[in-house]
């Protein structure tokens, strides 16, 4: 009855959250397949480096084309029907030029469109954030985050349309950088929203490795990073606008405030009016993300081997594309202007990457309420809607009885401020 009522509501202007209940409820109906693949690791394909190799180990999300390899995008259908890629994605050019050791293609949620990190067909990567492997890995770049967290790779490339690098980074206690829209080519990357939201960026265990990963995506980045460190070598040189998002765990807000204060950043509290505009950008970003998912991937909507969950995401995207997409896109410029105005006053904006600590994956796998809960935890999509870069940074939680020792701070910067963001991350990473 719940699903029937929601379907009726969607036809009369149903919210995205309501539709997600339908999507997730129908998409989690394969317990036997889930159990069969439950212990699969972070990689869809893994190629261990030579025993004596000391070079950087790079993992690549399997929605990024690699010449001679099938790009699965986390999908059974594509794994079985896609031919091997004829050429590398453009974002691999520097890694190839420098003969970087690529150690494998990492796992992800199907077509990169769901949020907990569960993949029924390939198996769900296991986060070790709680020391037990019980918490969610986060989606969609789940395998990339787990690969670096478990030291199977030094750097992993992921993609981020609405939070797909930063959320897994938060769920695994690692760093993740969402790059400025358009800075890194997405040619050869499985599309969701290539004209509005899609980006490629690195994940790593520390800022030094993250900077090396970014230097494989943007030629000359290492020099820009050195300049940023020299320009603002201390936190007191940096002003941060603190955004408080309603619904956030008070302990997470306190952990972030304590960290920023301890490092001596200049802090400016942002207004409630800005928070209201943030929430509107989040709503608009969701409409654009889903509308573009349908626009670019509708050819898979009726294919056998594509999960029902993904098919329903695409179906909802068709509705959003016809009923709200154009209006949302029109509001994008106003949101970008709003951010530019804020960045005349502050260097970065700070808020939690997630409103709550990553929850445990239910024993039976994801279900309706659980997946909707995870979706509502994210503070990431307004950044994609604007096209700005953002960095997810692990932050220690105060000692409590909780089993998860870290949360995640998200720093949002002006366009093309990746080097400055990593410098700020470096300052936070330093021991007090």
Protein backbone atom coordinates (compact mmCIF):
# COMPACT_ATOMS: atom_id res chain seq x y z
CA UNK A 1 0.00 0.00 0.00
CA UNK A 2 2.89 2.37 0.79
CA UNK A 3 4.30 1.95 -2.72
CA UNK A 4 0.90 2.30 -4.39
CA UNK A 5 0.19 5.50 -2.50
CA UNK A 6 3.57 6.92 -3.41
CA UNK A 7 3.13 6.11 -7.08
CA UNK A 8 -0.18 7.94 -7.06
CA UNK A 9 1.43 10.90 -5.28
CA UNK A 10 4.27 11.09 -7.83
CA UNK A 11 1.83 11.51 -10.65
CA UNK A 12 0.47 14.54 -8.82
CA UNK A 13 3.83 16.18 -8.14
CA UNK A 14 5.49 13.64 -5.89
CA UNK A 15 8.76 14.62 -4.20
CA UNK A 16 12.05 13.04 -5.14
CA UNK A 17 12.23 11.43 -1.70
CA UNK A 18 8.92 9.67 -2.32
CA UNK A 19 10.09 8.31 -5.64
CA UNK A 20 13.33 7.11 -4.11
CA UNK A 21 11.29 4.98 -1.75
CA UNK A 22 9.78 3.24 -4.77
CA UNK A 23 13.13 2.94 -6.53
CA UNK A 24 14.96 1.47 -3.58
CA UNK A 25 12.11 -0.82 -2.51
CA UNK A 26 11.98 -2.38 -5.96
CA UNK A 27 15.72 -2.36 -6.51
CA UNK A 28 16.61 -4.47 -3.46
CA UNK A 29 14.79 -7.67 -4.33
CA UNK A 30 17.69 -10.08 -4.94
CA UNK A 31 18.85 -11.40 -1.53
CA UNK A 32 20.38 -14.56 -3.01
CA UNK A 33 22.55 -12.63 -5.49
CA UNK A 34 23.49 -10.15 -2.76
CA UNK A 35 24.66 -12.92 -0.44
CA UNK A 36 26.55 -14.61 -3.24
CA UNK A 37 28.63 -11.52 -3.93
CA UNK A 38 28.67 -9.99 -0.44
CA UNK A 39 32.40 -10.47 0.14
CA UNK A 40 33.66 -9.02 -3.15
CA UNK A 41 36.34 -6.36 -2.61
CA UNK A 42 36.68 -2.86 -3.95
CA UNK A 43 37.77 -3.85 -7.46
CA UNK A 44 35.83 -5.24 -10.39
CA UNK A 45 39.20 -6.01 -12.00
CA UNK A 46 42.44 -5.99 -9.98
CA UNK A 47 46.00 -6.22 -11.29
CA UNK A 48 48.52 -6.34 -8.42
CA UNK A 49 51.70 -4.38 -9.11
CA UNK A 50 55.06 -6.16 -9.25
CA UNK A 51 56.39 -7.11 -5.82
CA UNK A 52 59.28 -4.64 -5.95
CA UNK A 53 57.27 -1.77 -7.40
CA UNK A 54 57.54 1.48 -5.41
CA UNK A 55 55.68 3.82 -7.74
CA UNK A 56 52.30 5.40 -7.25
CA UNK A 57 49.46 2.88 -7.52
CA UNK A 58 46.38 4.25 -9.27
CA UNK A 59 42.89 2.74 -9.25
CA UNK A 60 40.27 3.84 -11.79
CA UNK A 61 36.51 3.81 -11.30
CA UNK A 62 34.86 1.44 -13.76
CA UNK A 63 32.76 4.11 -15.42
CA UNK A 64 35.98 5.55 -16.92
CA UNK A 65 37.04 3.98 -20.22
CA UNK A 66 40.33 2.13 -20.33
CA UNK A 67 41.54 0.92 -23.72
CA UNK A 68 41.00 -2.81 -24.19
CA UNK A 69 38.81 -3.15 -21.08
CA UNK A 70 35.04 -3.37 -20.80
CA UNK A 71 33.53 -0.41 -18.94
CA UNK A 72 30.82 -1.88 -16.72
CA UNK A 73 29.61 1.29 -14.93
CA UNK A 74 28.70 -1.16 -12.15
CA UNK A 75 26.08 -2.81 -14.36
CA UNK A 76 25.55 -6.47 -15.19
CA UNK A 77 24.11 -5.44 -18.57
CA UNK A 78 27.12 -3.37 -19.60
CA UNK A 79 29.58 -5.92 -18.22
CA UNK A 80 28.03 -8.54 -20.49
CA UNK A 81 27.24 -6.45 -23.57
CA UNK A 82 29.73 -3.57 -23.77
CA UNK A 83 32.68 -4.17 -26.10
CA UNK A 84 36.14 -3.33 -24.76
CA UNK A 85 36.84 0.40 -24.91
CA UNK A 86 38.57 1.44 -28.13
CA UNK A 87 40.57 4.15 -26.34
CA UNK A 88 41.27 5.55 -22.92
CA UNK A 89 39.11 8.25 -21.41
CA UNK A 90 40.75 11.65 -21.78
CA UNK A 91 41.33 11.91 -18.02
CA UNK A 92 43.84 9.02 -18.17
CA UNK A 93 46.18 10.80 -20.60
CA UNK A 94 48.66 12.09 -18.02
CA UNK A 95 48.72 8.80 -16.10
CA UNK A 96 49.57 6.97 -19.34
CA UNK A 97 52.14 9.58 -20.34
CA UNK A 98 53.92 9.11 -16.99
CA UNK A 99 53.63 5.31 -16.99
CA UNK A 100 51.73 5.27 -13.71
CA UNK A 101 50.94 1.77 -12.40
CA UNK A 102 47.16 1.26 -12.78
CA UNK A 103 46.17 -1.51 -10.38
CA UNK A 104 42.55 -2.03 -11.42
CA UNK A 105 39.02 -0.84 -12.17
CA UNK A 106 37.02 -0.10 -9.03
CA UNK A 107 33.48 -1.04 -8.12
CA UNK A 108 30.57 1.40 -8.02
CA UNK A 109 26.80 1.54 -7.82
CA UNK A 110 25.07 0.76 -11.12
CA UNK A 111 25.35 3.69 -13.55
CA UNK A 112 26.54 5.74 -10.52
CA UNK A 113 22.98 6.69 -9.58
CA UNK A 114 22.43 5.35 -6.03
CA UNK A 115 23.79 6.48 -2.69
CA UNK A 116 24.56 3.81 -0.08
CA UNK A 117 27.26 2.11 -2.16
CA UNK A 118 25.48 -1.21 -2.49
CA UNK A 119 25.99 -3.17 -5.71
CA UNK A 120 23.91 -6.32 -5.92
CA UNK A 121 25.63 -7.79 -8.98
CA UNK A 122 29.34 -7.17 -8.27
CA UNK A 123 29.03 -7.14 -4.49
CA UNK A 124 29.28 -4.21 -2.10
CA UNK A 125 32.72 -2.88 -1.11
CA UNK A 126 33.32 -2.97 2.64
CA UNK A 127 34.16 0.20 4.55
CA UNK A 128 36.50 -0.32 7.50
CA UNK A 129 35.64 3.00 9.13
CA UNK A 130 34.21 1.25 12.20
CA UNK A 131 36.91 -1.42 12.27
CA UNK A 132 34.36 -4.12 11.50
CA UNK A 133 33.24 -3.57 7.92
CA UNK A 134 29.63 -2.92 8.95
CA UNK A 135 29.10 0.66 7.80
CA UNK A 136 28.11 1.68 4.28
CA UNK A 137 30.89 2.48 1.78
CA UNK A 138 28.88 5.35 0.25
CA UNK A 139 28.00 5.79 -3.40
CA UNK A 140 28.70 5.93 -6.10
CA UNK A 141 32.54 5.80 -6.03
CA UNK A 142 32.42 3.16 -3.31
CA UNK A 143 35.19 0.97 -4.67
CA UNK A 144 37.54 3.91 -5.23
CA UNK A 145 37.20 5.04 -1.61
CA UNK A 146 37.62 1.54 -0.21
CA UNK A 147 40.62 0.90 -2.47
CA UNK A 148 42.58 3.77 -0.96
CA UNK A 149 41.29 3.26 2.58
CA UNK A 150 42.50 -0.36 2.54
CA UNK A 151 45.85 0.59 0.92
CA UNK A 152 45.23 -1.37 -2.26
CA UNK A 153 45.87 1.89 -4.11
CA UNK A 154 47.54 5.19 -3.26
CA UNK A 155 45.19 7.26 -5.41
CA UNK A 156 41.86 6.40 -7.01
CA UNK A 157 39.95 8.30 -9.64
CA UNK A 158 36.24 8.69 -9.09
CA UNK A 159 33.41 10.66 -10.66
CA UNK A 160 31.14 13.11 -8.88
CA UNK A 161 27.74 14.22 -10.20
CA UNK A 162 26.01 14.91 -6.88
CA UNK A 163 28.49 13.82 -4.22
CA UNK A 164 29.84 10.53 -5.54
CA UNK A 165 33.45 11.25 -4.54
CA UNK A 166 32.87 13.16 -1.30
CA UNK A 167 30.24 10.86 0.21
CA UNK A 168 32.35 7.66 -0.15
CA UNK A 169 35.34 9.64 1.15
CA UNK A 170 33.30 10.52 4.23
CA UNK A 171 32.16 6.91 4.67
CA UNK A 172 35.73 5.60 4.56
CA UNK A 173 37.70 8.26 6.41
CA UNK A 174 39.70 9.43 3.37
CA UNK A 175 40.11 12.62 1.33
CA UNK A 176 38.08 13.22 -1.82
CA UNK A 177 38.21 16.16 -4.24
CA UNK A 178 35.30 17.17 -6.46
CA UNK A 179 36.85 19.30 -9.18
CA UNK A 180 35.55 22.43 -10.90
CA UNK A 181 33.05 21.52 -13.60
CA UNK A 182 34.83 21.45 -16.95
CA UNK A 183 38.37 21.43 -15.54
CA UNK A 184 38.91 17.71 -16.16
CA UNK A 185 37.55 16.24 -19.38
CA UNK A 186 34.74 13.71 -18.97
CA UNK A 187 35.14 12.40 -22.52
CA UNK A 188 35.12 8.63 -22.20
CA UNK A 189 33.34 8.68 -18.82
CA UNK A 190 29.90 7.03 -18.59
CA UNK A 191 27.54 10.03 -18.71
CA UNK A 192 24.96 11.13 -16.20
CA UNK A 193 25.00 14.91 -16.56
CA UNK A 194 27.95 15.84 -18.79
CA UNK A 195 26.59 19.31 -19.65
CA UNK A 196 25.82 20.38 -16.10
CA UNK A 197 27.15 18.28 -13.21
CA UNK A 198 29.60 15.46 -14.06
CA UNK A 199 33.19 15.79 -12.83
CA UNK A 200 36.22 13.53 -12.32
CA UNK A 201 38.49 13.81 -9.27
CA UNK A 202 40.91 11.93 -7.00
CA UNK A 203 40.58 10.16 -3.65
CA UNK A 204 43.50 9.39 -1.33
CA UNK A 205 44.44 8.73 2.30
CA UNK A 206 46.32 12.02 2.70
CA UNK A 207 46.73 15.42 1.07
CA UNK A 208 50.15 14.62 -0.40
CA UNK A 209 48.78 11.65 -2.35
CA UNK A 210 45.65 13.62 -3.27
CA UNK A 211 47.83 16.34 -4.76
CA UNK A 212 49.70 13.71 -6.79
CA UNK A 213 46.36 12.39 -8.00
CA UNK A 214 45.24 15.87 -9.01
CA UNK A 215 48.54 16.37 -10.83
CA UNK A 216 47.56 13.36 -12.97
CA UNK A 217 44.31 15.10 -13.90
CA UNK A 218 45.51 18.67 -14.47
CA UNK A 219 48.87 19.33 -16.07
CA UNK A 220 50.89 21.74 -13.95
CA UNK A 221 48.83 21.23 -10.79
CA UNK A 222 51.89 20.43 -8.63
CA UNK A 223 53.24 23.91 -9.32
CA UNK A 224 49.90 25.53 -8.50
CA UNK A 225 49.77 23.61 -5.24
CA UNK A 226 53.27 24.76 -4.23
CA UNK A 227 52.24 28.35 -4.98
CA UNK A 228 49.10 27.98 -2.86
CA UNK A 229 51.13 26.67 0.08
CA UNK A 230 53.57 29.56 -0.22
CA UNK A 231 50.77 32.12 -0.56
CA UNK A 232 48.90 31.07 2.58
CA UNK A 233 51.21 28.94 4.72
CA UNK A 234 49.15 29.31 7.91
CA UNK A 235 45.48 28.87 8.73
CA UNK A 236 45.17 32.38 10.17
CA UNK A 237 45.60 33.68 6.62
CA UNK A 238 42.38 31.93 5.52
CA UNK A 239 38.77 33.04 6.15
CA UNK A 240 36.11 30.36 6.23
CA UNK A 241 32.37 30.93 5.99
CA UNK A 242 30.69 28.41 8.29
CA UNK A 243 27.36 27.08 7.03
CA UNK A 244 25.14 25.35 9.58
CA UNK A 245 22.74 22.97 7.85
CA UNK A 246 19.54 22.06 9.66
CA UNK A 247 19.26 18.40 10.66
CA UNK A 248 22.98 17.94 11.32
CA UNK A 249 24.16 15.85 14.27
CA UNK A 250 25.26 18.36 16.92
CA UNK A 251 28.35 16.28 17.71
CA UNK A 252 29.48 16.54 14.08
CA UNK A 253 29.01 20.31 14.03
CA UNK A 254 30.99 20.56 17.26
CA UNK A 255 33.81 18.38 15.92
CA UNK A 256 34.12 20.60 12.84
CA UNK A 257 33.94 23.84 14.82
CA UNK A 258 36.55 22.58 17.29
CA UNK A 259 38.91 21.58 14.47
CA UNK A 260 38.61 24.87 12.59
CA UNK A 261 39.08 26.84 15.80
CA UNK A 262 42.05 24.76 16.92
CA UNK A 263 43.78 25.39 13.60
CA UNK A 264 43.17 29.15 13.94
CA UNK A 265 41.18 29.78 10.76
CA UNK A 266 39.19 33.00 10.66
CA UNK A 267 35.54 31.96 10.95
CA UNK A 268 32.50 33.87 9.66
CA UNK A 269 29.02 32.45 10.29
CA UNK A 270 26.88 32.46 7.15
CA UNK A 271 23.26 33.63 7.26
CA UNK A 272 20.02 31.69 7.40
CA UNK A 273 19.12 33.33 4.10
CA UNK A 274 22.14 31.64 2.51
CA UNK A 275 21.09 28.30 4.01
CA UNK A 276 17.66 28.74 2.41
CA UNK A 277 19.28 29.32 -0.98
CA UNK A 278 21.53 26.30 -0.38
CA UNK A 279 18.48 24.10 0.09
CA UNK A 280 16.86 25.45 -3.09
CA UNK A 281 20.04 24.68 -5.03
CA UNK A 282 19.93 21.16 -3.60
CA UNK A 283 16.37 20.67 -4.90
CA UNK A 284 17.23 22.08 -8.32
CA UNK A 285 20.38 19.99 -8.54
CA UNK A 286 18.39 16.82 -7.90
CA UNK A 287 15.98 17.63 -10.72
CA UNK A 288 18.84 18.34 -13.14
CA UNK A 289 20.76 15.21 -12.10
CA UNK A 290 17.80 12.91 -12.59
CA UNK A 291 16.58 14.66 -15.74
CA UNK A 292 20.03 14.37 -17.30
CA UNK A 293 20.35 10.74 -16.21
CA UNK A 294 17.26 9.96 -18.28
CA UNK A 295 18.34 12.18 -21.17
CA UNK A 296 21.74 10.50 -21.48
CA UNK A 297 21.01 6.90 -20.45
CA UNK A 298 17.41 6.23 -21.46
CA UNK A 299 18.58 3.58 -23.97
CA UNK A 300 19.19 1.24 -21.02
CA UNK A 301 15.78 1.74 -19.43
CA UNK A 302 14.29 -1.48 -20.85
CA UNK A 303 17.35 -3.71 -21.10
CA UNK A 304 17.45 -7.06 -19.36
CA UNK A 305 20.30 -7.06 -16.87
CA UNK A 306 19.76 -3.47 -15.78
CA UNK A 307 18.39 -3.46 -12.25
CA UNK A 308 14.86 -2.35 -11.56
CA UNK A 309 16.26 0.31 -9.25
CA UNK A 310 18.20 1.91 -12.11
CA UNK A 311 15.26 1.64 -14.50
CA UNK A 312 13.05 3.49 -12.04
CA UNK A 313 15.69 6.18 -11.52
CA UNK A 314 15.64 6.74 -15.28
CA UNK A 315 11.84 6.72 -15.33
CA UNK A 316 11.73 9.36 -12.62
CA UNK A 317 14.31 11.34 -14.56
CA UNK A 318 12.00 11.42 -17.56
CA UNK A 319 9.28 12.99 -15.41
CA UNK A 320 11.70 15.51 -13.93
CA UNK A 321 13.00 16.37 -17.37
CA UNK A 322 9.51 17.21 -18.60
CA UNK A 323 8.17 18.76 -15.37
CA UNK A 324 10.76 21.00 -13.72
CA UNK A 325 14.08 20.58 -15.51
CA UNK A 326 14.04 23.80 -17.55
CA UNK A 327 13.00 25.88 -14.54
CA UNK A 328 15.75 24.35 -12.41
CA UNK A 329 18.41 25.03 -15.04
CA UNK A 330 17.26 28.67 -15.25
CA UNK A 331 17.95 29.11 -11.53
CA UNK A 332 21.52 27.84 -11.88
CA UNK A 333 23.00 31.21 -12.84
CA UNK A 334 21.42 32.93 -9.82
CA UNK A 335 22.91 30.28 -7.51
CA UNK A 336 26.33 30.75 -9.08
CA UNK A 337 26.06 34.51 -8.54
CA UNK A 338 25.12 33.91 -4.91
CA UNK A 339 28.25 31.83 -4.35
CA UNK A 340 30.46 34.38 -6.09
CA UNK A 341 29.11 37.05 -3.74
CA UNK A 342 29.92 34.91 -0.69
CA UNK A 343 33.42 34.23 -1.97
CA UNK A 344 34.09 37.96 -2.05
CA UNK A 345 33.83 37.80 1.74
CA UNK A 346 35.41 34.42 2.55
CA UNK A 347 37.96 32.06 1.03
CA UNK A 348 35.97 28.86 1.55
CA UNK A 349 32.64 27.62 2.86
CA UNK A 350 32.67 24.85 5.48
CA UNK A 351 29.97 22.38 6.48
CA UNK A 352 29.76 18.63 7.17
CA UNK A 353 29.96 16.37 4.13
CA UNK A 354 27.25 14.25 5.80
CA UNK A 355 24.74 15.36 8.42
CA UNK A 356 25.20 12.12 10.38
CA UNK A 357 27.87 9.50 10.89
CA UNK A 358 27.75 6.75 8.24
CA UNK A 359 25.20 4.13 9.32
CA UNK A 360 25.66 0.39 9.31
CA UNK A 361 24.52 -1.48 6.22
CA UNK A 362 21.51 -3.56 7.31
CA UNK A 363 22.23 -7.27 7.54
CA UNK A 364 19.72 -7.98 4.76
CA UNK A 365 21.07 -5.16 2.59
CA UNK A 366 19.59 -1.81 1.73
CA UNK A 367 15.85 -1.24 1.97
CA UNK A 368 13.39 1.57 1.38
CA UNK A 369 13.77 3.58 4.54
CA UNK A 370 17.50 2.99 4.83
CA UNK A 371 18.41 4.22 1.36
CA UNK A 372 16.21 7.29 1.69
CA UNK A 373 17.89 8.04 5.02
CA UNK A 374 21.34 7.90 3.41
CA UNK A 375 20.21 10.12 0.53
CA UNK A 376 19.02 12.74 3.01
CA UNK A 377 22.36 12.78 4.84
CA UNK A 378 24.31 14.41 1.99
CA UNK A 379 25.32 18.08 1.83
CA UNK A 380 26.98 17.81 -1.56
CA UNK A 381 24.65 18.41 -4.50
CA UNK A 382 24.45 22.24 -4.36
CA UNK A 383 28.19 22.31 -5.10
CA UNK A 384 27.71 20.31 -8.30
CA UNK A 385 24.80 22.53 -9.31
CA UNK A 386 27.10 25.55 -9.10
CA UNK A 387 30.08 23.79 -10.69
CA UNK A 388 32.46 24.71 -7.86
CA UNK A 389 35.19 22.48 -6.40
CA UNK A 390 34.91 20.92 -2.95
CA UNK A 391 37.14 18.85 -0.69
CA UNK A 392 36.02 16.18 1.79
CA UNK A 393 38.40 16.02 4.76
CA UNK A 394 38.33 13.42 7.57
CA UNK A 395 37.93 15.02 11.01
CA UNK A 396 38.33 13.27 14.36
CA UNK A 397 35.22 12.89 16.48
CA UNK A 398 35.56 13.55 20.22
CA UNK A 399 36.04 10.38 22.33
CA UNK A 400 32.63 8.84 22.94
CA UNK A 401 31.07 5.42 23.06
CA UNK A 402 30.43 5.64 19.32
CA UNK A 403 32.38 3.16 17.21
CA UNK A 404 33.07 5.56 14.33
CA UNK A 405 36.11 7.73 15.14
CA UNK A 406 35.89 10.27 12.30
CA UNK A 407 33.44 12.45 10.46
CA UNK A 408 34.01 14.55 7.33
CA UNK A 409 34.36 18.27 6.75
CA UNK A 410 33.44 19.62 3.32
CA UNK A 411 35.27 22.74 2.16
CA UNK A 412 33.76 24.46 -0.88
CA UNK A 413 35.87 26.90 -2.87
CA UNK A 414 35.53 29.34 -5.76
CA UNK A 415 35.93 28.00 -9.28
CA UNK A 416 39.42 26.64 -10.05
CA UNK A 417 40.54 26.86 -6.41
CA UNK A 418 41.62 23.19 -6.17
CA UNK A 419 45.19 24.03 -5.17
CA UNK A 420 44.04 26.44 -2.45
CA UNK A 421 41.54 23.86 -1.19
CA UNK A 422 44.27 21.25 -0.87
CA UNK A 423 46.43 23.77 0.98
CA UNK A 424 43.59 24.32 3.46
CA UNK A 425 43.26 20.56 3.74
CA UNK A 426 46.99 20.34 4.41
CA UNK A 427 46.65 22.80 7.29
CA UNK A 428 43.79 20.80 8.78
CA UNK A 429 45.75 17.57 8.31
CA UNK A 430 48.70 18.93 10.33
CA UNK A 431 48.85 17.79 13.95
CA UNK A 432 48.03 20.46 16.51
